[in-house]
Amino acid sequence: IATGSGFFITKDGYAITNAHLAGICELIQIRISGEKNYLNIVTTDKVNDLALLKGIYKHPKYLKLDAEGPSLGEDIVAIGFPLGGYTGEGVKITKGIVSSLSGPGNNYSEFQHDAATAKGHSGGPIINKSGQVVGVIFAGVDKMKILKETKGHIPEGIFFAVSSQLLIESTPI
């Protein structure tokens, strides 16, 4: 139905992705080292585009969440699996900075960054220099819409993520 990214946040098998990826599913299939595993959807937050997943699989490596959230100008990396098989197998990592502490419409539960992301990165983590999650990737700007509205301007480097502060507040674990 859809492909995207996600990441484990506890040693007990809890994981995070976007609600727009998990929202219509009963079960999520993941691949770890080529093997299929399955995660159940614990809860989704459609307003903030987050989903909490849990499976039998217990990943020994998980990412810690930064309770402070992102800082303006902070160096970050975006991690995910963009464009399915088109870009080849394996995780892709891009780097950038936190460009703004608010998202579209001045939404402060989101932030803007310039680490290049594409379809398939959705649900992946934004990591700071300390290796902690400061956000969950969810969108970029609609370039075609802005091109039409500005009569010729194509925006570059404008992407958005849900802040780890909101993720911590809304995750029931």
Protein backbone atom coordinates (compact mmCIF):
# COMPACT_ATOMS: atom_id res chain seq x y z
CA ILE A 1 0.00 0.00 0.00
CA ALA A 2 2.79 2.42 0.93
CA THR A 3 6.48 2.49 1.70
CA GLY A 4 8.30 4.65 4.15
CA SER A 5 10.69 4.72 7.04
CA GLY A 6 10.58 4.26 10.77
CA PHE A 7 12.81 3.68 13.76
CA PHE A 8 12.89 1.85 17.08
CA ILE A 9 12.67 3.94 20.27
CA THR A 10 12.89 1.23 22.97
CA LYS A 11 14.64 -2.08 23.46
CA ASP A 12 11.16 -3.62 23.92
CA GLY A 13 10.26 -3.28 20.24
CA TYR A 14 8.39 0.05 20.13
CA ALA A 15 8.90 1.97 16.90
CA ILE A 16 7.77 5.27 15.35
CA THR A 17 6.63 6.17 11.84
CA ASN A 18 4.07 8.53 10.31
CA ALA A 19 0.33 8.08 10.68
CA HIS A 20 -0.09 8.64 6.93
CA LEU A 21 1.92 5.43 6.43
CA ALA A 22 0.38 3.31 9.18
CA GLY A 23 -3.12 4.77 9.41
CA ILE A 24 -4.90 2.40 7.04
CA CYS A 25 -2.96 -0.74 7.93
CA GLU A 26 -3.58 -3.44 10.50
CA LEU A 27 -0.03 -4.73 10.39
CA ILE A 28 3.26 -3.18 9.24
CA GLN A 29 5.90 -5.28 7.50
CA ILE A 30 9.51 -4.30 8.11
CA ARG A 31 12.77 -5.75 6.86
CA ILE A 32 15.80 -6.07 9.06
CA SER A 33 18.90 -7.55 7.45
CA GLY A 34 16.70 -8.89 4.66
CA GLU A 35 14.30 -10.70 7.01
CA LYS A 36 10.62 -9.82 7.23
CA ASN A 37 9.21 -8.87 10.63
CA TYR A 38 5.83 -7.44 11.55
CA LEU A 39 4.73 -4.63 13.83
CA ASN A 40 1.25 -3.92 15.16
CA ILE A 41 -0.13 -0.41 15.29
CA VAL A 42 -0.49 0.65 18.93
CA THR A 43 -1.90 4.11 18.22
CA THR A 44 -1.94 6.83 15.58
CA ASP A 45 -2.11 10.60 15.89
CA LYS A 46 -3.46 11.84 12.57
CA VAL A 47 -3.30 15.52 13.60
CA ASN A 48 0.46 15.31 14.19
CA ASP A 49 1.08 12.52 11.65
CA LEU A 50 2.64 10.08 14.14
CA ALA A 51 2.18 6.35 14.71
CA LEU A 52 3.45 4.16 17.53
CA LEU A 53 4.16 0.55 16.54
CA LYS A 54 5.11 -2.57 18.52
CA GLY A 55 6.17 -6.00 17.49
CA ILE A 56 7.54 -9.23 18.85
CA TYR A 57 10.89 -8.37 17.29
CA LYS A 58 13.14 -6.65 19.84
CA HIS A 59 15.74 -4.55 18.09
CA PRO A 60 18.98 -4.37 20.10
CA LYS A 61 19.70 -0.88 18.77
CA TYR A 62 17.22 1.92 19.23
CA LEU A 63 17.30 5.69 19.10
CA LYS A 64 16.92 7.94 22.12
CA LEU A 65 14.63 10.96 21.89
CA ASP A 66 15.88 14.46 22.70
CA ALA A 67 13.36 15.93 25.16
CA GLU A 68 14.51 19.47 24.34
CA GLY A 69 13.72 19.15 20.65
CA PRO A 70 15.65 20.85 17.86
CA SER A 71 17.66 24.08 18.19
CA LEU A 72 17.71 26.77 15.52
CA GLY A 73 20.78 26.34 13.28
CA GLU A 74 21.60 22.92 14.78
CA ASP A 75 23.38 20.43 12.50
CA ILE A 76 21.18 17.42 11.78
CA VAL A 77 21.01 14.32 9.59
CA ALA A 78 17.89 12.82 8.01
CA ILE A 79 17.75 9.05 7.76
CA GLY A 80 15.38 6.98 5.64
CA PHE A 81 14.61 4.92 2.58
CA PRO A 82 13.62 7.39 -0.15
CA LEU A 83 11.89 6.45 -3.40
CA GLY A 84 11.73 2.73 -2.72
CA GLY A 85 13.98 0.64 -4.95
CA TYR A 86 14.62 3.54 -7.34
CA THR A 87 17.57 4.76 -5.24
CA GLY A 88 18.79 1.26 -4.45
CA GLU A 89 18.54 -0.75 -1.28
CA GLY A 90 19.97 0.47 1.98
CA VAL A 91 19.46 3.44 4.19
CA LYS A 92 20.15 6.95 2.87
CA ILE A 93 21.55 9.76 5.02
CA THR A 94 21.50 13.47 4.19
CA LYS A 95 22.73 16.34 6.33
CA GLY A 96 21.52 19.85 6.94
CA ILE A 97 20.49 22.31 9.62
CA VAL A 98 17.34 23.24 11.50
CA SER A 99 16.13 26.25 9.49
CA SER A 100 13.12 27.27 11.60
CA LEU A 101 11.57 26.16 14.88
CA SER A 102 8.09 26.19 13.35
CA GLY A 103 6.44 24.41 10.47
CA PRO A 104 3.72 25.47 8.03
CA GLY A 105 1.28 28.00 9.51
CA ASN A 106 3.68 28.70 12.42
CA ASN A 107 2.99 25.28 13.90
CA TYR A 108 5.53 24.93 16.74
CA SER A 109 5.04 21.16 17.07
CA GLU A 110 6.89 20.96 13.75
CA PHE A 111 10.11 22.46 12.43
CA GLN A 112 11.73 23.25 9.10
CA HIS A 113 15.07 21.80 7.99
CA ASP A 114 17.13 21.67 4.81
CA ALA A 115 18.38 18.06 4.87
CA ALA A 116 17.21 16.71 1.51
CA THR A 117 14.36 14.22 1.86
CA ALA A 118 12.00 12.56 -0.60
CA LYS A 119 8.98 10.29 -0.68
CA GLY A 120 9.94 7.23 1.37
CA HIS A 121 11.87 9.25 3.96
CA SER A 122 8.52 9.80 5.71
CA GLY A 123 8.59 8.38 9.23
CA GLY A 124 12.37 8.44 9.42
CA PRO A 125 14.31 10.18 12.16
CA ILE A 126 16.07 13.53 12.19
CA ILE A 127 19.17 13.06 14.37
CA ASN A 128 21.33 15.69 16.10
CA LYS A 129 25.12 15.55 16.67
CA SER A 130 24.55 13.70 19.96
CA GLY A 131 22.80 10.87 18.09
CA GLN A 132 19.39 11.70 19.54
CA VAL A 133 16.14 12.05 17.61
CA VAL A 134 14.99 15.67 17.37
CA GLY A 135 12.26 15.02 14.81
CA VAL A 136 10.26 12.67 12.58
CA ILE A 137 10.34 13.42 8.85
CA PHE A 138 6.93 14.02 7.29
CA ALA A 139 6.93 16.41 4.33
CA GLY A 140 8.52 18.84 1.94
CA VAL A 141 6.90 21.81 0.27
CA ASP A 142 4.71 21.30 -2.78
CA LYS A 143 7.11 22.70 -5.38
CA MET A 144 4.56 22.67 -8.19
CA LYS A 145 2.02 24.61 -6.10
CA ILE A 146 4.60 27.26 -5.17
CA LEU A 147 5.83 27.41 -8.78
CA LYS A 148 2.30 28.25 -9.94
CA GLU A 149 1.52 30.66 -7.09
CA THR A 150 4.79 32.62 -7.45
CA LYS A 151 4.76 32.46 -11.25
CA GLY A 152 8.16 30.89 -11.65
CA HIS A 153 9.92 30.39 -8.31
CA ILE A 154 10.97 26.84 -7.47
CA PRO A 155 11.79 26.52 -3.75
CA GLU A 156 14.75 24.40 -2.67
CA GLY A 157 15.76 22.95 0.68
CA ILE A 158 12.44 23.34 2.51
CA PHE A 159 11.45 20.21 4.42
CA PHE A 160 9.50 19.57 7.63
CA ALA A 161 9.58 17.26 10.64
CA VAL A 162 7.51 16.71 13.79
CA SER A 163 9.47 17.85 16.86
CA SER A 164 10.73 15.25 19.33
CA GLN A 165 9.13 17.33 22.11
CA LEU A 166 5.68 16.56 20.68
CA LEU A 167 6.67 12.95 20.05
CA ILE A 168 7.58 12.50 23.72
CA GLU A 169 4.36 14.20 24.88
CA SER A 170 2.13 12.13 22.61
CA THR A 171 3.78 8.69 22.94
CA PRO A 172 2.04 6.54 25.59
CA ILE A 173 5.05 4.46 26.68
